[in-house]
């Protein structure tokens, strides 16, 4: 589980986003996060190019990001 403190939430662009697996957050930038290879996925809004993101320390997948 990813825990966010008040300072981290202040960097959040959008807090009311609903992903397919529950509540989600959109950020402009993050630290200590790695990025997997880009791939096309069918999301709720159609086909998008995305890449998984993961914690650099423990390698746990945290979510994904759009790839432009």
PDB file of N, CA and C in Angstrom:
ATOM      1  N   UNK A   1       0.840  -1.176   0.000  1.00  0.00           N
ATOM      2  CA  UNK A   1       0.000   0.000   0.000  1.00  0.00           C
ATOM      3  C   UNK A   1       0.883   1.236   0.000  1.00  0.00           C
ATOM      4  N   UNK A   2       0.568   2.175  -0.865  1.00  0.00           N
ATOM      5  CA  UNK A   2       1.300   3.427  -0.950  1.00  0.00           C
ATOM      6  C   UNK A   2       0.677   4.426   0.006  1.00  0.00           C
ATOM      7  N   UNK A   3       1.484   4.943   0.920  1.00  0.00           N
ATOM      8  CA  UNK A   3       0.991   5.929   1.876  1.00  0.00           C
ATOM      9  C   UNK A   3       1.480   7.309   1.481  1.00  0.00           C
ATOM     10  N   UNK A   4       0.605   8.269   1.516  1.00  0.00           N
ATOM     11  CA  UNK A   4       0.939   9.637   1.137  1.00  0.00           C
ATOM     12  C   UNK A   4       0.780  10.544   2.342  1.00  0.00           C
ATOM     13  N   UNK A   5       1.760  11.411   2.579  1.00  0.00           N
ATOM     14  CA  UNK A   5       1.590  12.388   3.651  1.00  0.00           C
ATOM     15  C   UNK A   5       1.058  13.701   3.070  1.00  0.00           C
ATOM     16  N   UNK A   6       0.816  14.694   3.935  1.00  0.00           N
ATOM     17  CA  UNK A   6       0.203  15.949   3.491  1.00  0.00           C
ATOM     18  C   UNK A   6       1.059  16.646   2.451  1.00  0.00           C
ATOM     19  N   UNK A   7       2.384  16.658   2.615  1.00  0.00           N
ATOM     20  CA  UNK A   7       3.255  17.305   1.642  1.00  0.00           C
ATOM     21  C   UNK A   7       3.153  16.636   0.280  1.00  0.00           C
ATOM     22  N   UNK A   8       3.081  15.321   0.250  1.00  0.00           N
ATOM     23  CA  UNK A   8       2.983  14.615  -1.019  1.00  0.00           C
ATOM     24  C   UNK A   8       1.638  14.883  -1.687  1.00  0.00           C
ATOM     25  N   UNK A   9       0.559  14.939  -0.911  1.00  0.00           N
ATOM     26  CA  UNK A   9      -0.745  15.219  -1.493  1.00  0.00           C
ATOM     27  C   UNK A   9      -0.823  16.638  -2.045  1.00  0.00           C
ATOM     28  N   UNK A  10      -0.027  17.558  -1.501  1.00  0.00           N
ATOM     29  CA  UNK A  10      -0.036  18.919  -2.028  1.00  0.00           C
ATOM     30  C   UNK A  10       0.554  18.964  -3.436  1.00  0.00           C
ATOM     31  N   UNK A  11       1.345  17.965  -3.809  1.00  0.00           N
ATOM     32  CA  UNK A  11       1.907  17.871  -5.157  1.00  0.00           C
ATOM     33  C   UNK A  11       0.958  17.180  -6.129  1.00  0.00           C
ATOM     34  N   UNK A  12      -0.121  16.669  -5.609  1.00  0.00           N
ATOM     35  CA  UNK A  12      -1.091  15.924  -6.402  1.00  0.00           C
ATOM     36  C   UNK A  12      -1.894  16.883  -7.280  1.00  0.00           C
ATOM     37  N   UNK A  13      -2.012  16.541  -8.565  1.00  0.00           N
ATOM     38  CA  UNK A  13      -2.750  17.359  -9.514  1.00  0.00           C
ATOM     39  C   UNK A  13      -4.248  17.133  -9.386  1.00  0.00           C
ATOM     40  N   UNK A  14      -4.634  15.880  -9.191  1.00  0.00           N
ATOM     41  CA  UNK A  14      -6.056  15.530  -9.178  1.00  0.00           C
ATOM     42  C   UNK A  14      -6.255  14.379  -8.203  1.00  0.00           C
ATOM     43  N   UNK A  15      -7.099  14.560  -7.195  1.00  0.00           N
ATOM     44  CA  UNK A  15      -7.278  13.552  -6.160  1.00  0.00           C
ATOM     45  C   UNK A  15      -8.581  12.770  -6.288  1.00  0.00           C
ATOM     46  N   UNK A  16      -9.445  13.136  -7.210  1.00  0.00           N
ATOM     47  CA  UNK A  16     -10.751  12.495  -7.322  1.00  0.00           C
ATOM     48  C   UNK A  16     -10.827  11.530  -8.502  1.00  0.00           C
ATOM     49  N   UNK A  17      -9.705  11.093  -8.990  1.00  0.00           N
ATOM     50  CA  UNK A  17      -9.668  10.183 -10.134  1.00  0.00           C
ATOM     51  C   UNK A  17     -10.079   8.786  -9.686  1.00  0.00           C
ATOM     52  N   UNK A  18     -10.860   8.112 -10.497  1.00  0.00           N
ATOM     53  CA  UNK A  18     -11.294   6.748 -10.206  1.00  0.00           C
ATOM     54  C   UNK A  18     -10.690   5.815 -11.250  1.00  0.00           C
ATOM     55  N   UNK A  19      -9.806   4.933 -10.814  1.00  0.00           N
ATOM     56  CA  UNK A  19      -9.230   3.938 -11.702  1.00  0.00           C
ATOM     57  C   UNK A  19     -10.077   2.682 -11.714  1.00  0.00           C
ATOM     58  N   UNK A  20      -9.710   1.723 -12.543  1.00  0.00           N
ATOM     59  CA  UNK A  20     -10.493   0.487 -12.648  1.00  0.00           C
ATOM     60  C   UNK A  20     -10.428  -0.345 -11.376  1.00  0.00           C
ATOM     61  N   UNK A  21      -9.387  -0.116 -10.532  1.00  0.00           N
ATOM     62  CA  UNK A  21      -9.246  -0.883  -9.299  1.00  0.00           C
ATOM     63  C   UNK A  21      -9.470  -0.036  -8.054  1.00  0.00           C
ATOM     64  N   UNK A  22     -10.053   1.137  -8.230  1.00  0.00           N
ATOM     65  CA  UNK A  22     -10.339   1.985  -7.077  1.00  0.00           C
ATOM     66  C   UNK A  22      -9.779   3.386  -7.223  1.00  0.00           C
ATOM     67  N   UNK A  23      -9.669   4.072  -6.093  1.00  0.00           N
ATOM     68  CA  UNK A  23      -9.211   5.454  -6.048  1.00  0.00           C
ATOM     69  C   UNK A  23      -7.789   5.583  -6.588  1.00  0.00           C
ATOM     70  N   UNK A  24      -7.540   6.676  -7.317  1.00  0.00           N
ATOM     71  CA  UNK A  24      -6.222   6.900  -7.909  1.00  0.00           C
ATOM     72  C   UNK A  24      -5.851   8.376  -7.772  1.00  0.00           C
ATOM     73  N   UNK A  25      -4.576   8.684  -7.932  1.00  0.00           N
ATOM     74  CA  UNK A  25      -4.065  10.047  -7.837  1.00  0.00           C
ATOM     75  C   UNK A  25      -3.243  10.356  -9.076  1.00  0.00           C
ATOM     76  N   UNK A  26      -3.321  11.585  -9.554  1.00  0.00           N
ATOM     77  CA  UNK A  26      -2.530  12.030 -10.691  1.00  0.00           C
ATOM     78  C   UNK A  26      -1.496  13.040 -10.214  1.00  0.00           C
ATOM     79  N   UNK A  27      -0.217  12.812 -10.548  1.00  0.00           N
ATOM     80  CA  UNK A  27       0.882  13.682 -10.149  1.00  0.00           C
ATOM     81  C   UNK A  27       1.606  14.214 -11.373  1.00  0.00           C
ATOM     82  N   UNK A  28       2.178  15.417 -11.257  1.00  0.00           N
ATOM     83  CA  UNK A  28       3.054  15.948 -12.298  1.00  0.00           C
ATOM     84  C   UNK A  28       4.430  15.330 -12.224  1.00  0.00           C
ATOM     85  N   UNK A  29       4.930  15.085 -11.010  1.00  0.00           N
ATOM     86  CA  UNK A  29       6.266  14.509 -10.852  1.00  0.00           C
ATOM     87  C   UNK A  29       6.326  13.701  -9.559  1.00  0.00           C
ATOM     88  N   UNK A  30       7.213  12.718  -9.551  1.00  0.00           N
ATOM     89  CA  UNK A  30       7.432  11.871  -8.381  1.00  0.00           C
ATOM     90  C   UNK A  30       8.923  11.568  -8.278  1.00  0.00           C
ATOM     91  N   UNK A  31       9.370  11.085  -7.123  1.00  0.00           N
ATOM     92  CA  UNK A  31      10.767  10.711  -6.932  1.00  0.00           C
ATOM     93  C   UNK A  31      10.850   9.254  -6.487  1.00  0.00           C
ATOM     94  N   UNK A  32      12.000   8.653  -6.684  1.00  0.00           N
ATOM     95  CA  UNK A  32      12.257   7.264  -6.295  1.00  0.00           C
ATOM     96  C   UNK A  32      11.306   6.277  -6.954  1.00  0.00           C
ATOM     97  N   UNK A  33      10.924   6.586  -8.181  1.00  0.00           N
ATOM     98  CA  UNK A  33      10.009   5.738  -8.941  1.00  0.00           C
ATOM     99  C   UNK A  33      10.659   5.399 -10.276  1.00  0.00           C
ATOM    100  N   UNK A  34      10.658   4.104 -10.621  1.00  0.00           N
ATOM    101  CA  UNK A  34      11.179   3.646 -11.897  1.00  0.00           C
ATOM    102  C   UNK A  34      10.034   3.421 -12.873  1.00  0.00           C
ATOM    103  N   UNK A  35      10.388   3.243 -14.124  1.00  0.00           N
ATOM    104  CA  UNK A  35       9.386   3.115 -15.180  1.00  0.00           C
ATOM    105  C   UNK A  35       9.681   1.892 -16.038  1.00  0.00           C
ATOM    106  N   UNK A  36       8.664   1.085 -16.273  1.00  0.00           N
ATOM    107  CA  UNK A  36       8.788  -0.083 -17.136  1.00  0.00           C
ATOM    108  C   UNK A  36       8.631   0.309 -18.602  1.00  0.00           C
ATOM    109  N   UNK A  37       8.618  -0.675 -19.489  1.00  0.00           N
ATOM    110  CA  UNK A  37       8.484  -0.393 -20.922  1.00  0.00           C
ATOM    111  C   UNK A  37       7.066   0.083 -21.266  1.00  0.00           C
ATOM    112  N   UNK A  38       6.973   0.903 -22.293  1.00  0.00           N
ATOM    113  CA  UNK A  38       5.674   1.394 -22.756  1.00  0.00           C
ATOM    114  C   UNK A  38       4.918   0.279 -23.467  1.00  0.00           C
ATOM    115  N   UNK A  39       3.596   0.286 -23.305  1.00  0.00           N
ATOM    116  CA  UNK A  39       2.738  -0.666 -24.012  1.00  0.00           C
ATOM    117  C   UNK A  39       1.362  -0.060 -24.182  1.00  0.00           C
ATOM    118  N   UNK A  40       0.614  -0.562 -25.145  1.00  0.00           N
ATOM    119  CA  UNK A  40      -0.744  -0.090 -25.348  1.00  0.00           C
ATOM    120  C   UNK A  40      -1.694  -0.938 -24.521  1.00  0.00           C
ATOM    121  N   UNK A  41      -2.612  -0.261 -23.817  1.00  0.00           N
ATOM    122  CA  UNK A  41      -3.616  -0.945 -22.996  1.00  0.00           C
ATOM    123  C   UNK A  41      -4.985  -0.324 -23.253  1.00  0.00           C
ATOM    124  N   UNK A  42      -5.992  -1.158 -23.182  1.00  0.00           N
ATOM    125  CA  UNK A  42      -7.357  -0.663 -23.271  1.00  0.00           C
ATOM    126  C   UNK A  42      -7.782  -0.262 -21.861  1.00  0.00           C
ATOM    127  N   UNK A  43      -8.014   1.031 -21.658  1.00  0.00           N
ATOM    128  CA  UNK A  43      -8.472   1.569 -20.376  1.00  0.00           C
ATOM    129  C   UNK A  43      -9.950   1.918 -20.499  1.00  0.00           C
ATOM    130  N   UNK A  44     -10.526   2.416 -19.433  1.00  0.00           N
ATOM    131  CA  UNK A  44     -11.945   2.765 -19.448  1.00  0.00           C
ATOM    132  C   UNK A  44     -12.276   3.787 -20.532  1.00  0.00           C
ATOM    133  N   UNK A  45     -11.294   4.615 -20.902  1.00  0.00           N
ATOM    134  CA  UNK A  45     -11.518   5.668 -21.899  1.00  0.00           C
ATOM    135  C   UNK A  45     -10.964   5.315 -23.271  1.00  0.00           C
ATOM    136  N   UNK A  46     -10.585   4.065 -23.488  1.00  0.00           N
ATOM    137  CA  UNK A  46     -10.101   3.643 -24.801  1.00  0.00           C
ATOM    138  C   UNK A  46      -8.670   3.142 -24.757  1.00  0.00           C
ATOM    139  N   UNK A  47      -8.036   3.065 -25.924  1.00  0.00           N
ATOM    140  CA  UNK A  47      -6.675   2.555 -26.069  1.00  0.00           C
ATOM    141  C   UNK A  47      -5.662   3.658 -25.771  1.00  0.00           C
ATOM    142  N   UNK A  48      -4.715   3.394 -24.862  1.00  0.00           N
ATOM    143  CA  UNK A  48      -3.712   4.388 -24.466  1.00  0.00           C
ATOM    144  C   UNK A  48      -2.340   3.734 -24.356  1.00  0.00           C
ATOM    145  N   UNK A  49      -1.288   4.521 -24.619  1.00  0.00           N
ATOM    146  CA  UNK A  49       0.092   4.082 -24.402  1.00  0.00           C
ATOM    147  C   UNK A  49       0.443   4.403 -22.954  1.00  0.00           C
ATOM    148  N   UNK A  50       0.797   3.375 -22.171  1.00  0.00           N
ATOM    149  CA  UNK A  50       1.120   3.546 -20.758  1.00  0.00           C
ATOM    150  C   UNK A  50       2.350   2.713 -20.400  1.00  0.00           C
ATOM    151  N   UNK A  51       2.916   2.985 -19.240  1.00  0.00           N
ATOM    152  CA  UNK A  51       4.040   2.202 -18.707  1.00  0.00           C
ATOM    153  C   UNK A  51       3.842   2.048 -17.207  1.00  0.00           C
ATOM    154  N   UNK A  52       4.109   0.863 -16.691  1.00  0.00           N
ATOM    155  CA  UNK A  52       4.017   0.651 -15.244  1.00  0.00           C
ATOM    156  C   UNK A  52       5.094   1.458 -14.535  1.00  0.00           C
ATOM    157  N   UNK A  53       4.778   1.946 -13.341  1.00  0.00           N
ATOM    158  CA  UNK A  53       5.771   2.599 -12.492  1.00  0.00           C
ATOM    159  C   UNK A  53       5.921   1.779 -11.219  1.00  0.00           C
ATOM    160  N   UNK A  54       7.123   1.794 -10.654  1.00  0.00           N
ATOM    161  CA  UNK A  54       7.408   0.968  -9.487  1.00  0.00           C
ATOM    162  C   UNK A  54       8.355   1.699  -8.548  1.00  0.00           C
ATOM    163  N   UNK A  55       8.351   1.286  -7.278  1.00  0.00           N
ATOM    164  CA  UNK A  55       9.237   1.836  -6.266  1.00  0.00           C
ATOM    165  C   UNK A  55      10.671   1.421  -6.577  1.00  0.00           C
ATOM    166  N   UNK A  56      11.584   2.377  -6.624  1.00  0.00           N
ATOM    167  CA  UNK A  56      12.995   2.072  -6.896  1.00  0.00           C
ATOM    168  C   UNK A  56      13.622   1.236  -5.781  1.00  0.00           C
ATOM    169  N   UNK A  57      13.119   1.351  -4.552  1.00  0.00           N
ATOM    170  CA  UNK A  57      13.714   0.633  -3.422  1.00  0.00           C
ATOM    171  C   UNK A  57      13.265  -0.817  -3.352  1.00  0.00           C
ATOM    172  N   UNK A  58      11.945  -1.049  -3.363  1.00  0.00           N
ATOM    173  CA  UNK A  58      11.443  -2.419  -3.163  1.00  0.00           C
ATOM    174  C   UNK A  58      10.907  -3.062  -4.431  1.00  0.00           C
ATOM    175  N   UNK A  59      10.842  -2.297  -5.539  1.00  0.00           N
ATOM    176  CA  UNK A  59      10.386  -2.788  -6.849  1.00  0.00           C
ATOM    177  C   UNK A  59       8.899  -3.135  -6.892  1.00  0.00           C
ATOM    178  N   UNK A  60       8.116  -2.684  -5.911  1.00  0.00           N
ATOM    179  CA  UNK A  60       6.673  -2.911  -5.922  1.00  0.00           C
ATOM    180  C   UNK A  60       6.022  -2.039  -6.987  1.00  0.00           C
ATOM    181  N   UNK A  61       5.156  -2.613  -7.798  1.00  0.00           N
ATOM    182  CA  UNK A  61       4.433  -1.836  -8.801  1.00  0.00           C
ATOM    183  C   UNK A  61       3.442  -0.923  -8.084  1.00  0.00           C
ATOM    184  N   UNK A  62       3.497   0.373  -8.420  1.00  0.00           N
ATOM    185  CA  UNK A  62       2.649   1.374  -7.781  1.00  0.00           C
ATOM    186  C   UNK A  62       1.465   1.766  -8.654  1.00  0.00           C
ATOM    187  N   UNK A  63       1.598   1.578  -9.942  1.00  0.00           N
ATOM    188  CA  UNK A  63       0.546   1.989 -10.863  1.00  0.00           C
ATOM    189  C   UNK A  63       1.116   2.108 -12.259  1.00  0.00           C
ATOM    190  N   UNK A  64       0.648   3.090 -13.004  1.00  0.00           N
ATOM    191  CA  UNK A  64       1.130   3.292 -14.367  1.00  0.00           C
ATOM    192  C   UNK A  64       1.092   4.779 -14.691  1.00  0.00           C
ATOM    193  N   UNK A  65       1.737   5.127 -15.812  1.00  0.00           N
ATOM    194  CA  UNK A  65       1.711   6.512 -16.282  1.00  0.00           C
ATOM    195  C   UNK A  65       1.430   6.511 -17.772  1.00  0.00           C
ATOM    196  N   UNK A  66       0.861   7.618 -18.240  1.00  0.00           N
ATOM    197  CA  UNK A  66       0.672   7.781 -19.677  1.00  0.00           C
ATOM    198  C   UNK A  66       2.021   8.018 -20.341  1.00  0.00           C
ATOM    199  N   UNK A  67       2.195   7.479 -21.537  1.00  0.00           N
ATOM    200  CA  UNK A  67       3.404   7.695 -22.332  1.00  0.00           C
ATOM    201  C   UNK A  67       2.971   8.426 -23.601  1.00  0.00           C
ATOM    202  N   UNK A  68       3.581   9.573 -23.852  1.00  0.00           N
ATOM    203  CA  UNK A  68       3.201  10.373 -25.025  1.00  0.00           C
ATOM    204  C   UNK A  68       4.201  10.255 -26.128  1.00  0.00           C
TER     205      UNK A  68
END
